[in-house]
Amino acid sequence: MAAITKDTIIGDILDLDGSTAPFFLEMGMHCLGCPSARGESLEQACAVHGVDPDELVKKINAHLQDK
C-alpha cells in the first residue's frame, strides 16, 4: 500500500481504510460524508481546521502500518 501524503485526497484515505475516520473527527472534521470534504487533500483539510498536516500524515501512516 502506498503511503499517505499531504496531497492524498480525504475520500481516498477513507475508501482505503474506514478506520482512519477518527483521525479526521478528532481534528473537528465532522462532515466526512459531504462531497466537498471528501474531495479535499489532507493538507487542505488541515489548513481549514488548524492542524499540522505533517503530524497527521505520520499518525495515519503509523495506524495503517500497524494493521
C-alpha atoms as a PDB file:
ATOM      1  CA  MET A   1       0.000   0.000   0.000  1.00  0.00           C
ATOM      2  CA  ALA A   2       1.273   3.453  -0.880  1.00  0.00           C
ATOM      3  CA  ALA A   3       1.942   5.841   1.969  1.00  0.00           C
ATOM      4  CA  ILE A   4      -0.479   8.668   2.638  1.00  0.00           C
ATOM      5  CA  THR A   5       0.883  12.141   1.827  1.00  0.00           C
ATOM      6  CA  LYS A   6      -0.333  15.705   2.330  1.00  0.00           C
ATOM      7  CA  ASP A   7      -1.655  15.575  -1.240  1.00  0.00           C
ATOM      8  CA  THR A   8      -3.768  12.452  -0.704  1.00  0.00           C
ATOM      9  CA  ILE A   9      -7.496  13.111  -1.055  1.00  0.00           C
ATOM     10  CA  ILE A  10      -9.539  12.572   2.130  1.00  0.00           C
ATOM     11  CA  GLY A  11     -12.093  10.409   0.303  1.00  0.00           C
ATOM     12  CA  ASP A  12      -9.317   8.159  -0.986  1.00  0.00           C
ATOM     13  CA  ILE A  13      -7.949   7.690   2.534  1.00  0.00           C
ATOM     14  CA  LEU A  14     -11.411   6.816   3.878  1.00  0.00           C
ATOM     15  CA  ASP A  15     -12.091   4.435   0.974  1.00  0.00           C
ATOM     16  CA  LEU A  16      -8.729   2.766   1.562  1.00  0.00           C
ATOM     17  CA  ASP A  17      -9.424   2.224   5.258  1.00  0.00           C
ATOM     18  CA  GLY A  18     -12.535   3.443   7.058  1.00  0.00           C
ATOM     19  CA  SER A  19     -10.817   3.050  10.415  1.00  0.00           C
ATOM     20  CA  THR A  20      -8.967   6.307   9.652  1.00  0.00           C
ATOM     21  CA  ALA A  21     -12.181   8.330  10.182  1.00  0.00           C
ATOM     22  CA  PRO A  22     -11.463   9.068  13.886  1.00  0.00           C
ATOM     23  CA  PHE A  23      -8.292  10.953  12.906  1.00  0.00           C
ATOM     24  CA  PHE A  24     -10.440  13.407  10.937  1.00  0.00           C
ATOM     25  CA  LEU A  25     -13.187  13.555  13.557  1.00  0.00           C
ATOM     26  CA  GLU A  26     -10.594  14.379  16.241  1.00  0.00           C
ATOM     27  CA  MET A  27      -9.491  17.462  14.336  1.00  0.00           C
ATOM     28  CA  GLY A  28     -13.073  18.715  14.110  1.00  0.00           C
ATOM     29  CA  MET A  29     -13.825  17.465  10.615  1.00  0.00           C
ATOM     30  CA  HIS A  30     -17.300  16.094  11.272  1.00  0.00           C
ATOM     31  CA  CYS A  31     -18.520  16.358   7.690  1.00  0.00           C
ATOM     32  CA  LEU A  32     -16.739  13.282   6.331  1.00  0.00           C
ATOM     33  CA  GLY A  33     -19.710  12.277   4.213  1.00  0.00           C
ATOM     34  CA  CYS A  34     -20.074  15.552   2.379  1.00  0.00           C
ATOM     35  CA  PRO A  35     -18.608  15.650  -1.141  1.00  0.00           C
ATOM     36  CA  SER A  36     -16.557  18.786  -0.607  1.00  0.00           C
ATOM     37  CA  ALA A  37     -14.801  17.336   2.449  1.00  0.00           C
ATOM     38  CA  ARG A  38     -14.128  14.038   0.699  1.00  0.00           C
ATOM     39  CA  GLY A  39     -12.622  15.925  -2.258  1.00  0.00           C
ATOM     40  CA  GLU A  40     -10.109  17.929  -0.235  1.00  0.00           C
ATOM     41  CA  SER A  41      -6.493  16.943   0.109  1.00  0.00           C
ATOM     42  CA  LEU A  42      -5.269  16.123   3.584  1.00  0.00           C
ATOM     43  CA  GLU A  43      -3.241  19.344   3.546  1.00  0.00           C
ATOM     44  CA  GLN A  44      -6.272  21.476   2.584  1.00  0.00           C
ATOM     45  CA  ALA A  45      -8.387  19.957   5.356  1.00  0.00           C
ATOM     46  CA  CYS A  46      -5.632  20.532   7.901  1.00  0.00           C
ATOM     47  CA  ALA A  47      -5.310  24.180   6.863  1.00  0.00           C
ATOM     48  CA  VAL A  48      -9.035  24.755   7.390  1.00  0.00           C
ATOM     49  CA  HIS A  49      -9.032  23.015  10.768  1.00  0.00           C
ATOM     50  CA  GLY A  50      -5.711  24.377  12.108  1.00  0.00           C
ATOM     51  CA  VAL A  51      -3.934  21.025  12.227  1.00  0.00           C
ATOM     52  CA  ASP A  52      -0.292  20.293  11.321  1.00  0.00           C
ATOM     53  CA  PRO A  53      -0.539  18.177   8.149  1.00  0.00           C
ATOM     54  CA  ASP A  54       2.850  16.537   8.699  1.00  0.00           C
ATOM     55  CA  GLU A  55       1.774  15.256  12.123  1.00  0.00           C
ATOM     56  CA  LEU A  56      -1.496  13.905  10.758  1.00  0.00           C
ATOM     57  CA  VAL A  57       0.304  12.167   7.873  1.00  0.00           C
ATOM     58  CA  LYS A  58       2.613  10.480  10.398  1.00  0.00           C
ATOM     59  CA  LYS A  59      -0.300   9.362  12.593  1.00  0.00           C
ATOM     60  CA  ILE A  60      -2.334   7.940   9.718  1.00  0.00           C
ATOM     61  CA  ASN A  61       0.616   6.120   8.146  1.00  0.00           C
ATOM     62  CA  ALA A  62       1.572   4.627  11.516  1.00  0.00           C
ATOM     63  CA  HIS A  63      -2.023   3.498  12.019  1.00  0.00           C
ATOM     64  CA  LEU A  64      -2.140   1.859   8.587  1.00  0.00           C
ATOM     65  CA  GLN A  65       1.198   0.100   9.103  1.00  0.00           C
ATOM     66  CA  ASP A  66       0.025  -1.336  12.411  1.00  0.00           C
ATOM     67  CA  LYS A  67      -2.905  -3.106  10.773  1.00  0.00           C
END
